[in-house]
PDB file of N, CA and C in Angstrom:
ATOM      1  N   MET A   1      84.849 -31.008 -15.331  1.00  0.00           N
ATOM      2  CA  MET A   1      83.935 -31.866 -14.622  1.00  0.00           C
ATOM      3  C   MET A   1      82.476 -31.415 -14.843  1.00  0.00           C
ATOM      4  N   THR A   2      81.675 -32.343 -15.264  1.00  0.00           N
ATOM      5  CA  THR A   2      80.251 -32.071 -15.411  1.00  0.00           C
ATOM      6  C   THR A   2      79.535 -32.302 -14.078  1.00  0.00           C
ATOM      7  N   GLU A   3      78.823 -31.228 -13.680  1.00  0.00           N
ATOM      8  CA  GLU A   3      78.176 -31.345 -12.392  1.00  0.00           C
ATOM      9  C   GLU A   3      76.670 -31.605 -12.588  1.00  0.00           C
ATOM     10  N   GLU A   4      76.152 -32.410 -11.790  1.00  0.00           N
ATOM     11  CA  GLU A   4      74.718 -32.742 -11.790  1.00  0.00           C
ATOM     12  C   GLU A   4      73.936 -31.539 -11.161  1.00  0.00           C
ATOM     13  N   LYS A   5      72.772 -31.234 -11.705  1.00  0.00           N
ATOM     14  CA  LYS A   5      71.929 -30.177 -11.164  1.00  0.00           C
ATOM     15  C   LYS A   5      70.783 -30.827 -10.401  1.00  0.00           C
ATOM     16  N   LEU A   6      70.492 -30.139  -9.302  1.00  0.00           N
ATOM     17  CA  LEU A   6      69.294 -30.451  -8.497  1.00  0.00           C
ATOM     18  C   LEU A   6      68.321 -29.284  -8.685  1.00  0.00           C
ATOM     19  N   VAL A   7      67.138 -29.609  -9.241  1.00  0.00           N
ATOM     20  CA  VAL A   7      66.160 -28.610  -9.432  1.00  0.00           C
ATOM     21  C   VAL A   7      65.104 -28.787  -8.375  1.00  0.00           C
ATOM     22  N   PHE A   8      64.776 -27.706  -7.695  1.00  0.00           N
ATOM     23  CA  PHE A   8      63.789 -27.773  -6.650  1.00  0.00           C
ATOM     24  C   PHE A   8      62.846 -26.592  -6.720  1.00  0.00           C
ATOM     25  N   THR A   9      61.728 -26.715  -6.006  1.00  0.00           N
ATOM     26  CA  THR A   9      60.755 -25.674  -5.941  1.00  0.00           C
ATOM     27  C   THR A   9      60.721 -25.062  -4.555  1.00  0.00           C
ATOM     28  N   ASP A  10      60.893 -23.803  -4.433  1.00  0.00           N
ATOM     29  CA  ASP A  10      60.936 -23.128  -3.095  1.00  0.00           C
ATOM     30  C   ASP A  10      59.541 -22.930  -2.582  1.00  0.00           C
ATOM     31  N   ASP A  11      59.412 -22.344  -1.405  1.00  0.00           N
ATOM     32  CA  ASP A  11      58.139 -22.141  -0.737  1.00  0.00           C
ATOM     33  C   ASP A  11      57.205 -21.248  -1.570  1.00  0.00           C
ATOM     34  N   GLU A  12      57.722 -20.418  -2.430  1.00  0.00           N
ATOM     35  CA  GLU A  12      56.859 -19.547  -3.227  1.00  0.00           C
ATOM     36  C   GLU A  12      56.522 -20.197  -4.603  1.00  0.00           C
ATOM     37  N   GLY A  13      56.961 -21.401  -4.826  1.00  0.00           N
ATOM     38  CA  GLY A  13      56.645 -22.098  -6.108  1.00  0.00           C
ATOM     39  C   GLY A  13      57.644 -21.798  -7.193  1.00  0.00           C
ATOM     40  N   GLN A  14      58.724 -21.109  -6.944  1.00  0.00           N
ATOM     41  CA  GLN A  14      59.767 -20.770  -7.931  1.00  0.00           C
ATOM     42  C   GLN A  14      60.763 -21.903  -8.040  1.00  0.00           C
ATOM     43  N   GLU A  15      61.106 -22.272  -9.249  1.00  0.00           N
ATOM     44  CA  GLU A  15      62.087 -23.321  -9.490  1.00  0.00           C
ATOM     45  C   GLU A  15      63.491 -22.738  -9.315  1.00  0.00           C
ATOM     46  N   GLU A  16      64.348 -23.457  -8.638  1.00  0.00           N
ATOM     47  CA  GLU A  16      65.726 -23.010  -8.368  1.00  0.00           C
ATOM     48  C   GLU A  16      66.625 -24.227  -8.757  1.00  0.00           C
ATOM     49  N   SER A  17      67.854 -23.957  -9.109  1.00  0.00           N
ATOM     50  CA  SER A  17      68.781 -25.050  -9.418  1.00  0.00           C
ATOM     51  C   SER A  17      70.020 -24.908  -8.494  1.00  0.00           C
ATOM     52  N   LEU A  18      70.512 -26.039  -8.052  1.00  0.00           N
ATOM     53  CA  LEU A  18      71.769 -26.116  -7.336  1.00  0.00           C
ATOM     54  C   LEU A  18      72.632 -27.148  -8.035  1.00  0.00           C
ATOM     55  N   TYR A  19      73.926 -26.924  -8.009  1.00  0.00           N
ATOM     56  CA  TYR A  19      74.919 -27.888  -8.628  1.00  0.00           C
ATOM     57  C   TYR A  19      75.442 -28.803  -7.574  1.00  0.00           C
ATOM     58  N   ILE A  20      75.313 -30.098  -7.843  1.00  0.00           N
ATOM     59  CA  ILE A  20      75.764 -31.069  -6.846  1.00  0.00           C
ATOM     60  C   ILE A  20      77.314 -31.395  -7.150  1.00  0.00           C
ATOM     61  N   LEU A  21      78.124 -31.140  -6.100  1.00  0.00           N
ATOM     62  CA  LEU A  21      79.510 -31.404  -6.193  1.00  0.00           C
ATOM     63  C   LEU A  21      79.902 -32.803  -5.798  1.00  0.00           C
ATOM     64  N   ALA A  22      79.167 -33.281  -4.715  1.00  0.00           N
ATOM     65  CA  ALA A  22      79.400 -34.616  -4.167  1.00  0.00           C
ATOM     66  C   ALA A  22      78.252 -35.034  -3.343  1.00  0.00           C
ATOM     67  N   ARG A  23      78.116 -36.322  -3.135  1.00  0.00           N
ATOM     68  CA  ARG A  23      77.091 -36.848  -2.207  1.00  0.00           C
ATOM     69  C   ARG A  23      77.716 -37.944  -1.363  1.00  0.00           C
ATOM     70  N   THR A  24      77.130 -38.066  -0.153  1.00  0.00           N
ATOM     71  CA  THR A  24      77.611 -39.090   0.743  1.00  0.00           C
ATOM     72  C   THR A  24      76.513 -39.510   1.717  1.00  0.00           C
ATOM     73  N   LYS A  25      76.755 -40.613   2.415  1.00  0.00           N
ATOM     74  CA  LYS A  25      75.871 -41.060   3.464  1.00  0.00           C
ATOM     75  C   LYS A  25      76.657 -41.169   4.760  1.00  0.00           C
ATOM     76  N   LEU A  26      76.105 -40.644   5.840  1.00  0.00           N
ATOM     77  CA  LEU A  26      76.761 -40.744   7.181  1.00  0.00           C
ATOM     78  C   LEU A  26      75.675 -41.303   8.099  1.00  0.00           C
ATOM     79  N   GLY A  27      75.983 -42.465   8.641  1.00  0.00           N
ATOM     80  CA  GLY A  27      74.960 -43.093   9.436  1.00  0.00           C
ATOM     81  C   GLY A  27      73.749 -43.429   8.554  1.00  0.00           C
ATOM     82  N   GLU A  28      72.578 -43.036   8.944  1.00  0.00           N
ATOM     83  CA  GLU A  28      71.393 -43.318   8.148  1.00  0.00           C
ATOM     84  C   GLU A  28      70.996 -42.124   7.302  1.00  0.00           C
ATOM     85  N   ASN A  29      71.819 -41.066   7.278  1.00  0.00           N
ATOM     86  CA  ASN A  29      71.437 -39.847   6.567  1.00  0.00           C
ATOM     87  C   ASN A  29      72.209 -39.649   5.285  1.00  0.00           C
ATOM     88  N   ASP A  30      71.541 -39.088   4.284  1.00  0.00           N
ATOM     89  CA  ASP A  30      72.074 -38.776   2.975  1.00  0.00           C
ATOM     90  C   ASP A  30      72.346 -37.266   2.953  1.00  0.00           C
ATOM     91  N   TYR A  31      73.494 -36.889   2.355  1.00  0.00           N
ATOM     92  CA  TYR A  31      73.987 -35.502   2.324  1.00  0.00           C
ATOM     93  C   TYR A  31      74.467 -35.182   0.897  1.00  0.00           C
ATOM     94  N   LEU A  32      74.247 -33.888   0.479  1.00  0.00           N
ATOM     95  CA  LEU A  32      74.751 -33.405  -0.780  1.00  0.00           C
ATOM     96  C   LEU A  32      75.650 -32.163  -0.444  1.00  0.00           C
ATOM     97  N   LEU A  33      76.743 -32.028  -1.190  1.00  0.00           N
ATOM     98  CA  LEU A  33      77.518 -30.820  -1.186  1.00  0.00           C
ATOM     99  C   LEU A  33      77.122 -30.096  -2.427  1.00  0.00           C
ATOM    100  N   VAL A  34      76.596 -28.848  -2.308  1.00  0.00           N
ATOM    101  CA  VAL A  34      76.036 -28.150  -3.487  1.00  0.00           C
ATOM    102  C   VAL A  34      76.600 -26.725  -3.497  1.00  0.00           C
ATOM    103  N   LYS A  35      76.440 -26.098  -4.676  1.00  0.00           N
ATOM    104  CA  LYS A  35      76.756 -24.667  -4.803  1.00  0.00           C
ATOM    105  C   LYS A  35      75.620 -24.073  -5.741  1.00  0.00           C
ATOM    106  N   GLU A  36      75.477 -22.747  -5.678  1.00  0.00           N
ATOM    107  CA  GLU A  36      74.346 -22.127  -6.380  1.00  0.00           C
ATOM    108  C   GLU A  36      74.586 -21.952  -7.893  1.00  0.00           C
ATOM    109  N   SER A  37      75.822 -21.917  -8.307  1.00  0.00           N
ATOM    110  CA  SER A  37      76.115 -21.816  -9.766  1.00  0.00           C
ATOM    111  C   SER A  37      77.419 -22.551 -10.031  1.00  0.00           C
ATOM    112  N   GLU A  38      77.683 -22.854 -11.314  1.00  0.00           N
ATOM    113  CA  GLU A  38      78.925 -23.487 -11.635  1.00  0.00           C
ATOM    114  C   GLU A  38      80.134 -22.661 -11.267  1.00  0.00           C
ATOM    115  N   GLU A  39      80.012 -21.308 -11.320  1.00  0.00           N
ATOM    116  CA  GLU A  39      81.108 -20.453 -11.037  1.00  0.00           C
ATOM    117  C   GLU A  39      81.241 -20.107  -9.572  1.00  0.00           C
ATOM    118  N   ALA A  40      80.240 -20.425  -8.745  1.00  0.00           N
ATOM    119  CA  ALA A  40      80.313 -20.059  -7.315  1.00  0.00           C
ATOM    120  C   ALA A  40      81.435 -20.706  -6.633  1.00  0.00           C
ATOM    121  N   GLU A  41      82.092 -19.935  -5.761  1.00  0.00           N
ATOM    122  CA  GLU A  41      83.147 -20.398  -4.943  1.00  0.00           C
ATOM    123  C   GLU A  41      82.742 -21.080  -3.625  1.00  0.00           C
ATOM    124  N   GLU A  42      81.579 -20.649  -3.142  1.00  0.00           N
ATOM    125  CA  GLU A  42      81.131 -21.098  -1.882  1.00  0.00           C
ATOM    126  C   GLU A  42      80.095 -22.275  -2.078  1.00  0.00           C
ATOM    127  N   ALA A  43      80.262 -23.278  -1.207  1.00  0.00           N
ATOM    128  CA  ALA A  43      79.332 -24.406  -1.258  1.00  0.00           C
ATOM    129  C   ALA A  43      78.734 -24.659   0.138  1.00  0.00           C
ATOM    130  N   PHE A  44      77.650 -25.396   0.195  1.00  0.00           N
ATOM    131  CA  PHE A  44      77.025 -25.746   1.445  1.00  0.00           C
ATOM    132  C   PHE A  44      76.464 -27.125   1.397  1.00  0.00           C
ATOM    133  N   ILE A  45      76.210 -27.644   2.517  1.00  0.00           N
ATOM    134  CA  ILE A  45      75.802 -29.018   2.675  1.00  0.00           C
ATOM    135  C   ILE A  45      74.286 -29.152   2.993  1.00  0.00           C
ATOM    136  N   LEU A  46      73.612 -30.000   2.279  1.00  0.00           N
ATOM    137  CA  LEU A  46      72.178 -30.293   2.461  1.00  0.00           C
ATOM    138  C   LEU A  46      72.030 -31.714   3.009  1.00  0.00           C
ATOM    139  N   LYS A  47      71.053 -31.840   3.895  1.00  0.00           N
ATOM    140  CA  LYS A  47      70.744 -33.139   4.474  1.00  0.00           C
ATOM    141  C   LYS A  47      69.340 -33.547   4.019  1.00  0.00           C
ATOM    142  N   LEU A  48      69.155 -34.765   3.491  1.00  0.00           N
ATOM    143  CA  LEU A  48      67.842 -35.265   3.173  1.00  0.00           C
ATOM    144  C   LEU A  48      67.089 -35.582   4.420  1.00  0.00           C
ATOM    145  N   THR A  49      66.003 -34.860   4.674  1.00  0.00           N
ATOM    146  CA  THR A  49      65.305 -34.973   5.906  1.00  0.00           C
ATOM    147  C   THR A  49      63.960 -35.722   5.788  1.00  0.00           C
ATOM    148  N   GLU A  50      63.448 -35.785   4.550  1.00  0.00           N
ATOM    149  CA  GLU A  50      62.110 -36.399   4.431  1.00  0.00           C
ATOM    150  C   GLU A  50      61.969 -36.847   2.964  1.00  0.00           C
ATOM    151  N   GLU A  51      61.383 -38.039   2.770  1.00  0.00           N
ATOM    152  CA  GLU A  51      61.003 -38.547   1.471  1.00  0.00           C
ATOM    153  C   GLU A  51      59.477 -38.773   1.459  1.00  0.00           C
ATOM    154  N   ASN A  52      58.811 -38.138   0.503  1.00  0.00           N
ATOM    155  CA  ASN A  52      57.378 -38.233   0.467  1.00  0.00           C
ATOM    156  C   ASN A  52      57.023 -38.568  -1.037  1.00  0.00           C
ATOM    157  N   GLY A  53      57.003 -39.845  -1.308  1.00  0.00           N
ATOM    158  CA  GLY A  53      56.841 -40.231  -2.716  1.00  0.00           C
ATOM    159  C   GLY A  53      58.004 -39.786  -3.558  1.00  0.00           C
ATOM    160  N   ASP A  54      57.739 -39.029  -4.551  1.00  0.00           N
ATOM    161  CA  ASP A  54      58.807 -38.490  -5.436  1.00  0.00           C
ATOM    162  C   ASP A  54      59.488 -37.243  -4.879  1.00  0.00           C
ATOM    163  N   ASP A  55      58.836 -36.672  -3.854  1.00  0.00           N
ATOM    164  CA  ASP A  55      59.322 -35.421  -3.262  1.00  0.00           C
ATOM    165  C   ASP A  55      60.395 -35.737  -2.202  1.00  0.00           C
ATOM    166  N   LEU A  56      61.461 -35.000  -2.320  1.00  0.00           N
ATOM    167  CA  LEU A  56      62.535 -35.100  -1.382  1.00  0.00           C
ATOM    168  C   LEU A  56      62.676 -33.782  -0.650  1.00  0.00           C
ATOM    169  N   ILE A  57      62.801 -33.763   0.667  1.00  0.00           N
ATOM    170  CA  ILE A  57      62.974 -32.579   1.434  1.00  0.00           C
ATOM    171  C   ILE A  57      64.381 -32.517   1.980  1.00  0.00           C
ATOM    172  N   PHE A  58      65.084 -31.393   1.661  1.00  0.00           N
ATOM    173  CA  PHE A  58      66.452 -31.188   2.128  1.00  0.00           C
ATOM    174  C   PHE A  58      66.519 -30.004   3.006  1.00  0.00           C
ATOM    175  N   ASP A  59      67.318 -30.030   4.043  1.00  0.00           N
ATOM    176  CA  ASP A  59      67.591 -28.854   4.892  1.00  0.00           C
ATOM    177  C   ASP A  59      69.063 -28.575   4.911  1.00  0.00           C
ATOM    178  N   VAL A  60      69.416 -27.343   5.073  1.00  0.00           N
ATOM    179  CA  VAL A  60      70.826 -26.924   5.174  1.00  0.00           C
ATOM    180  C   VAL A  60      71.351 -27.351   6.469  1.00  0.00           C
ATOM    181  N   VAL A  61      72.489 -27.972   6.500  1.00  0.00           N
ATOM    182  CA  VAL A  61      73.162 -28.433   7.749  1.00  0.00           C
ATOM    183  C   VAL A  61      73.794 -27.252   8.434  1.00  0.00           C
ATOM    184  N   ASP A  62      73.425 -27.037   9.696  1.00  0.00           N
ATOM    185  CA  ASP A  62      73.986 -25.855  10.395  1.00  0.00           C
ATOM    186  C   ASP A  62      74.510 -26.259  11.754  1.00  0.00           C
ATOM    187  N   ASP A  63      74.503 -27.559  12.086  1.00  0.00           N
ATOM    188  CA  ASP A  63      75.118 -28.032  13.338  1.00  0.00           C
ATOM    189  C   ASP A  63      76.646 -28.095  13.155  1.00  0.00           C
ATOM    190  N   ASP A  64      77.361 -27.419  13.975  1.00  0.00           N
ATOM    191  CA  ASP A  64      78.826 -27.372  13.870  1.00  0.00           C
ATOM    192  C   ASP A  64      79.535 -28.711  13.859  1.00  0.00           C
ATOM    193  N   ASP A  65      79.148 -29.610  14.760  1.00  0.00           N
ATOM    194  CA  ASP A  65      79.739 -30.949  14.803  1.00  0.00           C
ATOM    195  C   ASP A  65      79.489 -31.739  13.600  1.00  0.00           C
ATOM    196  N   GLU A  66      78.194 -31.679  13.102  1.00  0.00           N
ATOM    197  CA  GLU A  66      77.815 -32.401  11.917  1.00  0.00           C
ATOM    198  C   GLU A  66      78.567 -31.798  10.706  1.00  0.00           C
ATOM    199  N   LEU A  67      78.667 -30.469  10.656  1.00  0.00           N
ATOM    200  CA  LEU A  67      79.393 -29.833   9.497  1.00  0.00           C
ATOM    201  C   LEU A  67      80.860 -30.216   9.497  1.00  0.00           C
ATOM    202  N   GLU A  68      81.488 -30.213  10.651  1.00  0.00           N
ATOM    203  CA  GLU A  68      82.876 -30.615  10.754  1.00  0.00           C
ATOM    204  C   GLU A  68      83.158 -32.041  10.246  1.00  0.00           C
ATOM    205  N   ALA A  69      82.289 -32.960  10.676  1.00  0.00           N
ATOM    206  CA  ALA A  69      82.471 -34.360  10.207  1.00  0.00           C
ATOM    207  C   ALA A  69      82.279 -34.456   8.735  1.00  0.00           C
ATOM    208  N   LEU A  70      81.244 -33.826   8.199  1.00  0.00           N
ATOM    209  CA  LEU A  70      80.932 -33.827   6.787  1.00  0.00           C
ATOM    210  C   LEU A  70      81.954 -33.150   5.906  1.00  0.00           C
ATOM    211  N   ALA A  71      82.522 -32.033   6.416  1.00  0.00           N
ATOM    212  CA  ALA A  71      83.501 -31.318   5.629  1.00  0.00           C
ATOM    213  C   ALA A  71      84.733 -32.178   5.305  1.00  0.00           C
ATOM    214  N   GLY A  72      85.165 -32.938   6.349  1.00  0.00           N
ATOM    215  CA  GLY A  72      86.283 -33.892   6.071  1.00  0.00           C
ATOM    216  C   GLY A  72      85.947 -34.965   5.023  1.00  0.00           C
ATOM    217  N   ILE A  73      84.710 -35.497   5.116  1.00  0.00           N
ATOM    218  CA  ILE A  73      84.322 -36.540   4.205  1.00  0.00           C
ATOM    219  C   ILE A  73      84.287 -35.956   2.759  1.00  0.00           C
ATOM    220  N   PHE A  74      83.592 -34.798   2.614  1.00  0.00           N
ATOM    221  CA  PHE A  74      83.433 -34.169   1.294  1.00  0.00           C
ATOM    222  C   PHE A  74      84.846 -33.767   0.759  1.00  0.00           C
ATOM    223  N   GLU A  75      85.723 -33.264   1.601  1.00  0.00           N
ATOM    224  CA  GLU A  75      87.061 -32.907   1.107  1.00  0.00           C
ATOM    225  C   GLU A  75      87.726 -34.159   0.531  1.00  0.00           C
ATOM    226  N   GLN A  76      87.697 -35.290   1.243  1.00  0.00           N
ATOM    227  CA  GLN A  76      88.338 -36.439   0.760  1.00  0.00           C
ATOM    228  C   GLN A  76      87.654 -36.932  -0.567  1.00  0.00           C
ATOM    229  N   LEU A  77      86.344 -36.880  -0.678  1.00  0.00           N
ATOM    230  CA  LEU A  77      85.692 -37.269  -1.892  1.00  0.00           C
ATOM    231  C   LEU A  77      86.139 -36.426  -3.022  1.00  0.00           C
ATOM    232  N   LEU A  78      86.217 -35.108  -2.903  1.00  0.00           N
ATOM    233  CA  LEU A  78      86.582 -34.231  -3.968  1.00  0.00           C
ATOM    234  C   LEU A  78      88.063 -34.421  -4.310  1.00  0.00           C
ATOM    235  N   ASP A  79      88.921 -34.671  -3.290  1.00  0.00           N
ATOM    236  CA  ASP A  79      90.380 -34.951  -3.607  1.00  0.00           C
ATOM    237  C   ASP A  79      90.440 -36.207  -4.382  1.00  0.00           C
ATOM    238  N   ASP A  80      89.780 -37.281  -3.976  1.00  0.00           N
ATOM    239  CA  ASP A  80      89.796 -38.556  -4.719  1.00  0.00           C
ATOM    240  C   ASP A  80      89.308 -38.394  -6.151  1.00  0.00           C
ATOM    241  N   GLU A  81      88.296 -37.593  -6.341  1.00  0.00           N
ATOM    242  CA  GLU A  81      87.778 -37.343  -7.704  1.00  0.00           C
ATOM    243  C   GLU A  81      88.717 -36.598  -8.567  1.00  0.00           C
ATOM    244  N   SER A  82      89.386 -35.558  -8.000  1.00  0.00           N
ATOM    245  CA  SER A  82      90.374 -34.762  -8.783  1.00  0.00           C
ATOM    246  C   SER A  82      91.582 -35.569  -9.100  1.00  0.00           C
ATOM    247  N   GLU A  83      92.008 -36.457  -8.215  1.00  0.00           N
ATOM    248  CA  GLU A  83      93.136 -37.389  -8.502  1.00  0.00           C
ATOM    249  C   GLU A  83      92.813 -38.331  -9.588  1.00  0.00           C
ATOM    250  N   GLY A  84      91.520 -38.772  -9.686  1.00  0.00           N
ATOM    251  CA  GLY A  84      91.106 -39.648 -10.785  1.00  0.00           C
ATOM    252  C   GLY A  84      91.067 -38.958 -12.123  1.00  0.00           C
ATOM    253  N   GLU A  85      90.915 -37.670 -12.136  1.00  0.00           N
ATOM    254  CA  GLU A  85      90.896 -36.954 -13.393  1.00  0.00           C
ATOM    255  C   GLU A  85      92.291 -36.625 -13.920  1.00  0.00           C
ATOM    256  N   ALA A  86      93.260 -36.746 -13.120  1.00  0.00           N
ATOM    257  CA  ALA A  86      94.661 -36.381 -13.482  1.00  0.00           C
ATOM    258  C   ALA A  86      95.271 -37.437 -14.365  1.00  0.00           C
TER     259      ALA A  86
END
């Protein structure tokens, strides 16, 4: 599976990359499931919090209820994707 990369600039001006595993929309909000490298086992969820022209601002989701709802959605998306590859 080829994963899309998200390149962003941190507060110190350093470019960083995250690998996008899946994306979804819940209500009016856009979310990404990302990991720090292709080999990383751990993933986390980012929420688009602001659009300013071409700049997109994402924050890590840390609300337990929001995480629980999104975890189920992303799990289903990844399951559907892996079934499509079989």
